[in-house]
Amino acid sequence: ALFFARQTVENGWSRSSLLNALSSDLYERQGKDKVQAQYALESSTQPISISEYELEKFYPEKVEGTMPTIEELEQRLSSL
């Protein structure tokens, strides 16, 4: 819960954005243990690449309402 509270404040999520993050298992997908990843790759001398990435798996079926509108983005940028 603390992760989602922080993300909501830091990113200015709307209610629908928060619900989308909750339903899409965002916390589990963060991939949050950098030390473990660094340790696992430390002895590797080979370059690492991704051969295929299926981003559409992470999109909700209904995208409308989960992304901010142009007006919302402009309002957020003007308040910075």
PDB file of N, CA and C in Angstrom:
ATOM      1  N   ALA A   1       0.821  -1.186   0.000  1.00  0.00           N
ATOM      2  CA  ALA A   1       0.000   0.000   0.000  1.00  0.00           C
ATOM      3  C   ALA A   1       0.869   1.255   0.000  1.00  0.00           C
ATOM      4  N   LEU A   2       1.981   1.209   0.726  1.00  0.00           N
ATOM      5  CA  LEU A   2       2.869   2.365   0.788  1.00  0.00           C
ATOM      6  C   LEU A   2       3.479   2.659  -0.583  1.00  0.00           C
ATOM      7  N   PHE A   3       3.822   1.613  -1.331  1.00  0.00           N
ATOM      8  CA  PHE A   3       4.351   1.782  -2.682  1.00  0.00           C
ATOM      9  C   PHE A   3       3.372   2.567  -3.543  1.00  0.00           C
ATOM     10  N   PHE A   4       2.107   2.170  -3.519  1.00  0.00           N
ATOM     11  CA  PHE A   4       1.098   2.827  -4.345  1.00  0.00           C
ATOM     12  C   PHE A   4       0.817   4.246  -3.862  1.00  0.00           C
ATOM     13  N   ALA A   5       0.857   4.465  -2.563  1.00  0.00           N
ATOM     14  CA  ALA A   5       0.660   5.822  -2.042  1.00  0.00           C
ATOM     15  C   ALA A   5       1.777   6.742  -2.525  1.00  0.00           C
ATOM     16  N   ARG A   6       3.015   6.257  -2.457  1.00  0.00           N
ATOM     17  CA  ARG A   6       4.155   7.059  -2.925  1.00  0.00           C
ATOM     18  C   ARG A   6       4.057   7.338  -4.414  1.00  0.00           C
ATOM     19  N   GLN A   7       3.753   6.310  -5.192  1.00  0.00           N
ATOM     20  CA  GLN A   7       3.656   6.471  -6.638  1.00  0.00           C
ATOM     21  C   GLN A   7       2.553   7.454  -7.020  1.00  0.00           C
ATOM     22  N   THR A   8       1.452   7.397  -6.300  1.00  0.00           N
ATOM     23  CA  THR A   8       0.340   8.304  -6.578  1.00  0.00           C
ATOM     24  C   THR A   8       0.759   9.758  -6.351  1.00  0.00           C
ATOM     25  N   VAL A   9       1.447  10.001  -5.248  1.00  0.00           N
ATOM     26  CA  VAL A   9       1.884  11.357  -4.935  1.00  0.00           C
ATOM     27  C   VAL A   9       2.980  11.810  -5.909  1.00  0.00           C
ATOM     28  N   GLU A  10       3.978  10.972  -6.129  1.00  0.00           N
ATOM     29  CA  GLU A  10       5.105  11.334  -6.990  1.00  0.00           C
ATOM     30  C   GLU A  10       4.689  11.558  -8.444  1.00  0.00           C
ATOM     31  N   ASN A  11       3.748  10.760  -8.931  1.00  0.00           N
ATOM     32  CA  ASN A  11       3.373  10.830 -10.340  1.00  0.00           C
ATOM     33  C   ASN A  11       2.060  11.556 -10.600  1.00  0.00           C
ATOM     34  N   GLY A  12       1.407  11.987  -9.546  1.00  0.00           N
ATOM     35  CA  GLY A  12       0.153  12.706  -9.699  1.00  0.00           C
ATOM     36  C   GLY A  12      -0.942  11.869 -10.342  1.00  0.00           C
ATOM     37  N   TRP A  13      -0.989  10.592  -9.969  1.00  0.00           N
ATOM     38  CA  TRP A  13      -1.967   9.682 -10.568  1.00  0.00           C
ATOM     39  C   TRP A  13      -3.393  10.088 -10.229  1.00  0.00           C
ATOM     40  N   SER A  14      -4.267   9.899 -11.195  1.00  0.00           N
ATOM     41  CA  SER A  14      -5.699  10.046 -10.939  1.00  0.00           C
ATOM     42  C   SER A  14      -6.194   8.745 -10.301  1.00  0.00           C
ATOM     43  N   ARG A  15      -7.440   8.746  -9.889  1.00  0.00           N
ATOM     44  CA  ARG A  15      -8.018   7.534  -9.295  1.00  0.00           C
ATOM     45  C   ARG A  15      -7.978   6.374 -10.298  1.00  0.00           C
ATOM     46  N   SER A  16      -8.324   6.670 -11.546  1.00  0.00           N
ATOM     47  CA  SER A  16      -8.337   5.602 -12.552  1.00  0.00           C
ATOM     48  C   SER A  16      -6.927   5.075 -12.843  1.00  0.00           C
ATOM     49  N   SER A  17      -5.935   5.966 -12.792  1.00  0.00           N
ATOM     50  CA  SER A  17      -4.551   5.520 -12.985  1.00  0.00           C
ATOM     51  C   SER A  17      -4.105   4.608 -11.845  1.00  0.00           C
ATOM     52  N   LEU A  18      -4.478   4.970 -10.626  1.00  0.00           N
ATOM     53  CA  LEU A  18      -4.149   4.140  -9.469  1.00  0.00           C
ATOM     54  C   LEU A  18      -4.815   2.778  -9.580  1.00  0.00           C
ATOM     55  N   LEU A  19      -6.096   2.761  -9.940  1.00  0.00           N
ATOM     56  CA  LEU A  19      -6.800   1.483 -10.084  1.00  0.00           C
ATOM     57  C   LEU A  19      -6.176   0.628 -11.180  1.00  0.00           C
ATOM     58  N   ASN A  20      -5.740   1.265 -12.253  1.00  0.00           N
ATOM     59  CA  ASN A  20      -5.070   0.538 -13.323  1.00  0.00           C
ATOM     60  C   ASN A  20      -3.762  -0.072 -12.826  1.00  0.00           C
ATOM     61  N   ALA A  21      -2.990   0.686 -12.060  1.00  0.00           N
ATOM     62  CA  ALA A  21      -1.730   0.183 -11.519  1.00  0.00           C
ATOM     63  C   ALA A  21      -1.969  -0.989 -10.574  1.00  0.00           C
ATOM     64  N   LEU A  22      -3.012  -0.879  -9.774  1.00  0.00           N
ATOM     65  CA  LEU A  22      -3.342  -1.970  -8.852  1.00  0.00           C
ATOM     66  C   LEU A  22      -3.747  -3.236  -9.604  1.00  0.00           C
ATOM     67  N   SER A  23      -4.585  -3.081 -10.614  1.00  0.00           N
ATOM     68  CA  SER A  23      -5.085  -4.259 -11.333  1.00  0.00           C
ATOM     69  C   SER A  23      -4.055  -4.868 -12.263  1.00  0.00           C
ATOM     70  N   SER A  24      -3.026  -4.110 -12.618  1.00  0.00           N
ATOM     71  CA  SER A  24      -2.016  -4.639 -13.545  1.00  0.00           C
ATOM     72  C   SER A  24      -0.784  -5.189 -12.827  1.00  0.00           C
ATOM     73  N   ASP A  25      -0.878  -5.333 -11.510  1.00  0.00           N
ATOM     74  CA  ASP A  25       0.233  -5.870 -10.716  1.00  0.00           C
ATOM     75  C   ASP A  25       1.514  -5.065 -10.889  1.00  0.00           C
ATOM     76  N   LEU A  26       1.401  -3.736 -10.904  1.00  0.00           N
ATOM     77  CA  LEU A  26       2.552  -2.865 -11.103  1.00  0.00           C
ATOM     78  C   LEU A  26       3.657  -3.139 -10.091  1.00  0.00           C
ATOM     79  N   TYR A  27       3.278  -3.330  -8.849  1.00  0.00           N
ATOM     80  CA  TYR A  27       4.279  -3.561  -7.802  1.00  0.00           C
ATOM     81  C   TYR A  27       5.147  -4.774  -8.117  1.00  0.00           C
ATOM     82  N   GLU A  28       4.509  -5.853  -8.559  1.00  0.00           N
ATOM     83  CA  GLU A  28       5.240  -7.071  -8.867  1.00  0.00           C
ATOM     84  C   GLU A  28       6.096  -6.921 -10.129  1.00  0.00           C
ATOM     85  N   ARG A  29       5.651  -6.048 -11.054  1.00  0.00           N
ATOM     86  CA  ARG A  29       6.372  -5.874 -12.313  1.00  0.00           C
ATOM     87  C   ARG A  29       7.523  -4.884 -12.226  1.00  0.00           C
ATOM     88  N   GLN A  30       7.676  -4.213 -11.064  1.00  0.00           N
ATOM     89  CA  GLN A  30       8.731  -3.211 -10.956  1.00  0.00           C
ATOM     90  C   GLN A  30      10.118  -3.812 -11.093  1.00  0.00           C
ATOM     91  N   GLY A  31      10.299  -4.967 -10.575  1.00  0.00           N
ATOM     92  CA  GLY A  31      11.504  -5.699 -10.925  1.00  0.00           C
ATOM     93  C   GLY A  31      12.762  -5.311 -10.260  1.00  0.00           C
ATOM     94  N   LYS A  32      11.580  -3.937  -8.325  1.00  0.00           N
ATOM     95  CA  LYS A  32      12.080  -2.963  -7.403  1.00  0.00           C
ATOM     96  C   LYS A  32      13.457  -3.189  -6.938  1.00  0.00           C
ATOM     97  N   ASP A  33      14.556  -5.168  -6.873  1.00  0.00           N
ATOM     98  CA  ASP A  33      15.793  -5.511  -6.194  1.00  0.00           C
ATOM     99  C   ASP A  33      17.011  -5.292  -7.092  1.00  0.00           C
ATOM    100  N   LYS A  34      17.563  -4.103  -7.174  1.00  0.00           N
ATOM    101  CA  LYS A  34      18.702  -3.727  -8.022  1.00  0.00           C
ATOM    102  C   LYS A  34      19.975  -4.456  -7.600  1.00  0.00           C
ATOM    103  N   VAL A  35      20.130  -4.658  -6.296  1.00  0.00           N
ATOM    104  CA  VAL A  35      21.315  -5.347  -5.793  1.00  0.00           C
ATOM    105  C   VAL A  35      21.352  -6.784  -6.303  1.00  0.00           C
ATOM    106  N   GLN A  36      20.221  -7.475  -6.257  1.00  0.00           N
ATOM    107  CA  GLN A  36      20.173  -8.852  -6.718  1.00  0.00           C
ATOM    108  C   GLN A  36      20.465  -8.923  -8.218  1.00  0.00           C
ATOM    109  N   ALA A  37      19.909  -8.021  -8.992  1.00  0.00           N
ATOM    110  CA  ALA A  37      20.159  -8.016 -10.432  1.00  0.00           C
ATOM    111  C   ALA A  37      21.621  -7.721 -10.725  1.00  0.00           C
ATOM    112  N   GLN A  38      22.186  -6.781 -10.001  1.00  0.00           N
ATOM    113  CA  GLN A  38      23.592  -6.445 -10.207  1.00  0.00           C
ATOM    114  C   GLN A  38      24.474  -7.632  -9.856  1.00  0.00           C
ATOM    115  N   TYR A  39      24.172  -8.317  -8.762  1.00  0.00           N
ATOM    116  CA  TYR A  39      24.941  -9.480  -8.344  1.00  0.00           C
ATOM    117  C   TYR A  39      24.841 -10.593  -9.388  1.00  0.00           C
ATOM    118  N   ALA A  40      23.654 -10.806  -9.902  1.00  0.00           N
ATOM    119  CA  ALA A  40      23.446 -11.865 -10.880  1.00  0.00           C
ATOM    120  C   ALA A  40      24.197 -11.598 -12.178  1.00  0.00           C
ATOM    121  N   LEU A  41      24.357 -10.347 -12.536  1.00  0.00           N
ATOM    122  CA  LEU A  41      24.988 -10.001 -13.809  1.00  0.00           C
ATOM    123  C   LEU A  41      26.454  -9.597 -13.677  1.00  0.00           C
ATOM    124  N   GLU A  42      26.942  -9.525 -12.465  1.00  0.00           N
ATOM    125  CA  GLU A  42      28.288  -9.027 -12.221  1.00  0.00           C
ATOM    126  C   GLU A  42      29.364  -9.826 -12.944  1.00  0.00           C
ATOM    127  N   SER A  43      29.218 -11.134 -12.987  1.00  0.00           N
ATOM    128  CA  SER A  43      30.257 -11.961 -13.593  1.00  0.00           C
ATOM    129  C   SER A  43      30.067 -12.143 -15.095  1.00  0.00           C
ATOM    130  N   SER A  44      29.007 -11.604 -15.637  1.00  0.00           N
ATOM    131  CA  SER A  44      28.738 -11.743 -17.067  1.00  0.00           C
ATOM    132  C   SER A  44      29.600 -10.779 -17.866  1.00  0.00           C
ATOM    133  N   THR A  45      30.257 -11.302 -18.882  1.00  0.00           N
ATOM    134  CA  THR A  45      31.070 -10.453 -19.754  1.00  0.00           C
ATOM    135  C   THR A  45      30.412 -10.278 -21.114  1.00  0.00           C
ATOM    136  N   GLN A  46      29.298 -10.953 -21.314  1.00  0.00           N
ATOM    137  CA  GLN A  46      28.595 -10.888 -22.593  1.00  0.00           C
ATOM    138  C   GLN A  46      27.578  -9.753 -22.584  1.00  0.00           C
ATOM    139  N   PRO A  47      27.393  -9.086 -23.722  1.00  0.00           N
ATOM    140  CA  PRO A  47      26.351  -8.057 -23.790  1.00  0.00           C
ATOM    141  C   PRO A  47      24.974  -8.669 -23.590  1.00  0.00           C
ATOM    142  N   ILE A  48      24.091  -7.888 -23.035  1.00  0.00           N
ATOM    143  CA  ILE A  48      22.736  -8.351 -22.781  1.00  0.00           C
ATOM    144  C   ILE A  48      21.790  -7.580 -23.699  1.00  0.00           C
ATOM    145  N   SER A  49      20.843  -8.299 -24.279  1.00  0.00           N
ATOM    146  CA  SER A  49      19.856  -7.639 -25.118  1.00  0.00           C
ATOM    147  C   SER A  49      18.514  -8.343 -24.973  1.00  0.00           C
ATOM    148  N   ILE A  50      17.482  -7.684 -25.433  1.00  0.00           N
ATOM    149  CA  ILE A  50      16.143  -8.258 -25.418  1.00  0.00           C
ATOM    150  C   ILE A  50      15.792  -8.593 -26.854  1.00  0.00           C
ATOM    151  N   SER A  51      15.437  -9.837 -27.097  1.00  0.00           N
ATOM    152  CA  SER A  51      15.135 -10.228 -28.465  1.00  0.00           C
ATOM    153  C   SER A  51      13.687  -9.943 -28.834  1.00  0.00           C
ATOM    154  N   GLU A  52      12.803  -9.952 -27.849  1.00  0.00           N
ATOM    155  CA  GLU A  52      11.397  -9.703 -28.118  1.00  0.00           C
ATOM    156  C   GLU A  52      10.750  -9.156 -26.857  1.00  0.00           C
ATOM    157  N   TYR A  53       9.870  -8.200 -27.031  1.00  0.00           N
ATOM    158  CA  TYR A  53       9.207  -7.595 -25.884  1.00  0.00           C
ATOM    159  C   TYR A  53       7.756  -7.360 -26.255  1.00  0.00           C
ATOM    160  N   GLU A  54       6.863  -7.898 -25.469  1.00  0.00           N
ATOM    161  CA  GLU A  54       5.441  -7.788 -25.755  1.00  0.00           C
ATOM    162  C   GLU A  54       4.781  -6.832 -24.771  1.00  0.00           C
ATOM    163  N   LEU A  55       4.850  -5.557 -25.072  1.00  0.00           N
ATOM    164  CA  LEU A  55       4.316  -4.530 -24.189  1.00  0.00           C
ATOM    165  C   LEU A  55       2.800  -4.590 -24.074  1.00  0.00           C
ATOM    166  N   GLU A  56       2.143  -5.048 -25.124  1.00  0.00           N
ATOM    167  CA  GLU A  56       0.685  -5.051 -25.082  1.00  0.00           C
ATOM    168  C   GLU A  56       0.127  -5.941 -23.979  1.00  0.00           C
ATOM    169  N   LYS A  57       0.910  -6.869 -23.454  1.00  0.00           N
ATOM    170  CA  LYS A  57       0.445  -7.707 -22.341  1.00  0.00           C
ATOM    171  C   LYS A  57       0.162  -6.865 -21.105  1.00  0.00           C
ATOM    172  N   PHE A  58       0.877  -5.753 -20.968  1.00  0.00           N
ATOM    173  CA  PHE A  58       0.757  -4.935 -19.772  1.00  0.00           C
ATOM    174  C   PHE A  58      -0.300  -3.863 -19.886  1.00  0.00           C
ATOM    175  N   TYR A  59      -0.845  -3.663 -21.083  1.00  0.00           N
ATOM    176  CA  TYR A  59      -1.895  -2.669 -21.258  1.00  0.00           C
ATOM    177  C   TYR A  59      -3.232  -3.252 -20.836  1.00  0.00           C
ATOM    178  N   PRO A  60      -4.031  -2.449 -20.171  1.00  0.00           N
ATOM    179  CA  PRO A  60      -5.381  -2.926 -19.850  1.00  0.00           C
ATOM    180  C   PRO A  60      -6.206  -3.006 -21.125  1.00  0.00           C
ATOM    181  N   GLU A  61      -7.247  -3.797 -21.102  1.00  0.00           N
ATOM    182  CA  GLU A  61      -8.092  -3.920 -22.283  1.00  0.00           C
ATOM    183  C   GLU A  61      -8.725  -2.577 -22.631  1.00  0.00           C
ATOM    184  N   LYS A  62      -9.137  -1.856 -21.619  1.00  0.00           N
ATOM    185  CA  LYS A  62      -9.735  -0.546 -21.853  1.00  0.00           C
ATOM    186  C   LYS A  62      -8.709   0.515 -21.478  1.00  0.00           C
ATOM    187  N   VAL A  63      -8.104   1.151 -22.461  1.00  0.00           N
ATOM    188  CA  VAL A  63      -7.061   2.136 -22.218  1.00  0.00           C
ATOM    189  C   VAL A  63      -7.649   3.510 -21.915  1.00  0.00           C
ATOM    190  N   GLU A  64      -8.803   3.821 -22.489  1.00  0.00           N
ATOM    191  CA  GLU A  64      -9.407   5.126 -22.289  1.00  0.00           C
ATOM    192  C   GLU A  64      -9.659   5.378 -20.802  1.00  0.00           C
ATOM    193  N   GLY A  65      -9.231   6.529 -20.346  1.00  0.00           N
ATOM    194  CA  GLY A  65      -9.413   6.895 -18.946  1.00  0.00           C
ATOM    195  C   GLY A  65      -8.225   6.538 -18.072  1.00  0.00           C
ATOM    196  N   THR A  66      -7.295   5.750 -18.596  1.00  0.00           N
ATOM    197  CA  THR A  66      -6.121   5.389 -17.810  1.00  0.00           C
ATOM    198  C   THR A  66      -4.947   6.304 -18.091  1.00  0.00           C
ATOM    199  N   MET A  67      -4.982   6.983 -19.223  1.00  0.00           N
ATOM    200  CA  MET A  67      -3.924   7.915 -19.590  1.00  0.00           C
ATOM    201  C   MET A  67      -4.456   9.333 -19.433  1.00  0.00           C
ATOM    202  N   PRO A  68      -3.585  10.268 -19.014  1.00  0.00           N
ATOM    203  CA  PRO A  68      -4.059  11.644 -18.896  1.00  0.00           C
ATOM    204  C   PRO A  68      -4.357  12.230 -20.273  1.00  0.00           C
ATOM    205  N   THR A  69      -5.301  13.147 -20.317  1.00  0.00           N
ATOM    206  CA  THR A  69      -5.625  13.813 -21.570  1.00  0.00           C
ATOM    207  C   THR A  69      -4.553  14.864 -21.862  1.00  0.00           C
ATOM    208  N   ILE A  70      -4.562  15.392 -23.074  1.00  0.00           N
ATOM    209  CA  ILE A  70      -3.613  16.443 -23.439  1.00  0.00           C
ATOM    210  C   ILE A  70      -3.794  17.654 -22.529  1.00  0.00           C
ATOM    211  N   GLU A  71      -5.039  17.967 -22.233  1.00  0.00           N
ATOM    212  CA  GLU A  71      -5.323  19.106 -21.364  1.00  0.00           C
ATOM    213  C   GLU A  71      -4.737  18.888 -19.961  1.00  0.00           C
ATOM    214  N   GLU A  72      -4.880  17.667 -19.438  1.00  0.00           N
ATOM    215  CA  GLU A  72      -4.327  17.366 -18.109  1.00  0.00           C
ATOM    216  C   GLU A  72      -2.810  17.474 -18.121  1.00  0.00           C
ATOM    217  N   LEU A  73      -2.171  16.985 -19.173  1.00  0.00           N
ATOM    218  CA  LEU A  73      -0.711  17.084 -19.286  1.00  0.00           C
ATOM    219  C   LEU A  73      -0.262  18.542 -19.363  1.00  0.00           C
ATOM    220  N   GLU A  74      -0.962  19.341 -20.170  1.00  0.00           N
ATOM    221  CA  GLU A  74      -0.620  20.758 -20.282  1.00  0.00           C
ATOM    222  C   GLU A  74      -0.790  21.467 -18.944  1.00  0.00           C
ATOM    223  N   GLN A  75      -1.846  21.114 -18.217  1.00  0.00           N
ATOM    224  CA  GLN A  75      -2.084  21.735 -16.908  1.00  0.00           C
ATOM    225  C   GLN A  75      -0.976  21.359 -15.931  1.00  0.00           C
ATOM    226  N   ARG A  76      -0.575  20.115 -15.931  1.00  0.00           N
ATOM    227  CA  ARG A  76       0.508  19.682 -15.029  1.00  0.00           C
ATOM    228  C   ARG A  76       1.822  20.359 -15.383  1.00  0.00           C
ATOM    229  N   LEU A  77       2.117  20.459 -16.677  1.00  0.00           N
ATOM    230  CA  LEU A  77       3.364  21.099 -17.094  1.00  0.00           C
ATOM    231  C   LEU A  77       3.378  22.584 -16.783  1.00  0.00           C
ATOM    232  N   SER A  78       2.240  23.235 -16.913  1.00  0.00           N
ATOM    233  CA  SER A  78       2.187  24.677 -16.630  1.00  0.00           C
ATOM    234  C   SER A  78       2.302  24.960 -15.137  1.00  0.00           C
ATOM    235  N   SER A  79       1.989  23.987 -14.308  1.00  0.00           N
ATOM    236  CA  SER A  79       2.085  24.206 -12.851  1.00  0.00           C
ATOM    237  C   SER A  79       3.487  23.946 -12.312  1.00  0.00           C
ATOM    238  N   LEU A  80       4.399  23.468 -13.165  1.00  0.00           N
ATOM    239  CA  LEU A  80       5.776  23.202 -12.719  1.00  0.00           C
ATOM    240  C   LEU A  80       6.566  24.437 -12.637  1.00  0.00           C
TER     241      LEU A  80
END
